[in-house]
């Protein structure tokens, strides 16, 4: 599978790492897990409303 470098992707193409927006560079597994968990919690709260 050959992916285009980010600089060559079209703006309209979804990025594989969009779910990691807001995670600081150099974050470890724990920080990434917490970020993803927080996002899921927010999505669940929105569905309950």
N, C-alpha and C. Protein backbone atom coordinates (compact mmCIF):
# COMPACT_ATOMS: atom_id res chain seq x y z
N UNK A 1 0.85 -1.18 0.00
CA UNK A 1 0.00 0.00 0.00
C UNK A 1 0.90 1.23 0.00
N UNK A 2 0.68 2.09 -0.95
CA UNK A 2 1.51 3.29 -1.00
C UNK A 2 0.64 4.51 -0.70
N UNK A 3 0.88 5.11 0.43
CA UNK A 3 0.15 6.32 0.81
C UNK A 3 0.92 7.53 0.33
N UNK A 4 0.18 8.55 -0.02
CA UNK A 4 0.81 9.81 -0.41
C UNK A 4 1.30 10.50 0.85
N UNK A 5 2.45 11.17 0.78
CA UNK A 5 2.86 11.98 1.92
C UNK A 5 1.79 13.04 2.19
N UNK A 6 1.69 13.48 3.43
CA UNK A 6 0.66 14.44 3.83
C UNK A 6 0.69 15.67 2.94
N UNK A 7 1.87 16.11 2.53
CA UNK A 7 1.98 17.31 1.71
C UNK A 7 1.37 17.12 0.33
N UNK A 8 1.22 15.87 -0.13
CA UNK A 8 0.67 15.61 -1.45
C UNK A 8 -0.80 15.24 -1.40
N UNK A 9 -1.39 15.09 -0.22
CA UNK A 9 -2.79 14.73 -0.13
C UNK A 9 -3.66 15.93 -0.46
N UNK A 10 -4.80 15.66 -1.07
CA UNK A 10 -5.75 16.72 -1.32
C UNK A 10 -6.42 17.08 -0.01
N UNK A 11 -6.82 18.33 0.13
CA UNK A 11 -7.45 18.79 1.36
C UNK A 11 -8.73 18.02 1.63
N UNK A 12 -9.46 17.63 0.59
CA UNK A 12 -10.74 16.96 0.78
C UNK A 12 -10.60 15.49 1.19
N UNK A 13 -9.40 14.92 1.04
CA UNK A 13 -9.19 13.53 1.42
C UNK A 13 -9.10 13.42 2.94
N UNK A 14 -9.82 12.47 3.53
CA UNK A 14 -9.70 12.31 4.98
C UNK A 14 -8.32 11.76 5.34
N UNK A 15 -7.78 12.25 6.42
CA UNK A 15 -6.47 11.79 6.86
C UNK A 15 -6.64 10.62 7.82
N UNK A 16 -5.71 9.70 7.77
CA UNK A 16 -5.76 8.54 8.64
C UNK A 16 -5.52 8.91 10.10
N UNK A 17 -4.94 10.07 10.34
CA UNK A 17 -4.58 10.44 11.72
C UNK A 17 -5.44 11.58 12.27
N UNK A 18 -6.60 11.84 11.64
CA UNK A 18 -7.46 12.92 12.12
C UNK A 18 -7.88 12.72 13.57
N UNK A 19 -8.04 11.46 13.98
CA UNK A 19 -8.46 11.17 15.34
C UNK A 19 -7.39 11.52 16.38
N UNK A 20 -6.19 11.85 15.91
CA UNK A 20 -5.11 12.20 16.83
C UNK A 20 -4.85 13.71 16.89
N UNK A 21 -5.70 14.49 16.23
CA UNK A 21 -5.56 15.94 16.30
C UNK A 21 -5.71 16.36 17.75
N UNK A 22 -4.85 17.19 18.23
CA UNK A 22 -4.90 17.64 19.62
C UNK A 22 -3.97 16.87 20.54
N UNK A 23 -3.39 15.78 20.04
CA UNK A 23 -2.40 15.04 20.84
C UNK A 23 -1.05 15.69 20.59
N UNK A 24 -0.37 16.10 21.65
CA UNK A 24 0.91 16.78 21.45
C UNK A 24 1.97 15.86 20.85
N UNK A 25 2.88 16.45 20.06
CA UNK A 25 4.00 15.68 19.52
C UNK A 25 4.79 15.08 20.67
N UNK A 26 5.21 13.86 20.51
CA UNK A 26 6.00 13.20 21.53
C UNK A 26 5.16 12.53 22.61
N UNK A 27 3.83 12.57 22.47
CA UNK A 27 2.96 11.94 23.46
C UNK A 27 3.17 10.43 23.43
N UNK A 28 3.05 9.84 24.59
CA UNK A 28 3.21 8.40 24.69
C UNK A 28 1.88 7.68 24.61
N UNK A 29 1.93 6.38 24.79
CA UNK A 29 0.73 5.55 24.69
C UNK A 29 -0.36 6.00 25.64
N UNK A 30 0.00 6.34 26.87
CA UNK A 30 -0.99 6.72 27.87
C UNK A 30 -1.71 7.99 27.46
N UNK A 31 -0.97 8.99 26.99
CA UNK A 31 -1.58 10.24 26.58
C UNK A 31 -2.50 10.04 25.37
N UNK A 32 -2.07 9.22 24.45
CA UNK A 32 -2.90 8.95 23.27
C UNK A 32 -4.16 8.22 23.69
N UNK A 33 -4.04 7.22 24.54
CA UNK A 33 -5.21 6.47 25.02
C UNK A 33 -6.18 7.41 25.73
N UNK A 34 -5.67 8.29 26.59
CA UNK A 34 -6.54 9.24 27.30
C UNK A 34 -7.27 10.15 26.31
N UNK A 35 -6.57 10.62 25.31
CA UNK A 35 -7.18 11.51 24.31
C UNK A 35 -8.31 10.79 23.58
N UNK A 36 -8.05 9.56 23.13
CA UNK A 36 -9.07 8.80 22.42
C UNK A 36 -10.25 8.48 23.32
N UNK A 37 -9.97 8.17 24.58
CA UNK A 37 -11.02 7.86 25.55
C UNK A 37 -11.89 9.09 25.80
N UNK A 38 -11.27 10.24 25.94
CA UNK A 38 -12.01 11.49 26.15
C UNK A 38 -12.91 11.79 24.95
N UNK A 39 -12.38 11.56 23.74
CA UNK A 39 -13.18 11.79 22.53
C UNK A 39 -14.40 10.88 22.51
N UNK A 40 -14.21 9.61 22.89
CA UNK A 40 -15.33 8.67 22.91
C UNK A 40 -16.37 9.10 23.93
N UNK A 41 -15.92 9.56 25.10
CA UNK A 41 -16.84 10.02 26.13
C UNK A 41 -17.68 11.19 25.62
N UNK A 42 -17.03 12.13 24.93
CA UNK A 42 -17.74 13.29 24.40
C UNK A 42 -18.76 12.86 23.35
N UNK A 43 -18.40 11.91 22.50
CA UNK A 43 -19.32 11.43 21.47
C UNK A 43 -20.53 10.75 22.11
N UNK A 44 -20.29 9.96 23.15
CA UNK A 44 -21.38 9.27 23.85
C UNK A 44 -22.32 10.26 24.52
N UNK A 45 -21.77 11.34 25.09
CA UNK A 45 -22.60 12.36 25.73
C UNK A 45 -23.49 13.05 24.70
N UNK A 46 -22.93 13.31 23.52
CA UNK A 46 -23.70 13.95 22.46
C UNK A 46 -24.83 13.04 21.99
N UNK A 47 -24.60 11.74 21.92
CA UNK A 47 -25.63 10.81 21.49
C UNK A 47 -26.77 10.70 22.51
N UNK A 48 -26.44 10.87 23.78
CA UNK A 48 -27.44 10.76 24.84
C UNK A 48 -28.36 11.97 24.90
N UNK A 49 -27.92 13.09 24.34
CA UNK A 49 -28.73 14.32 24.42
C UNK A 49 -29.88 14.31 23.46
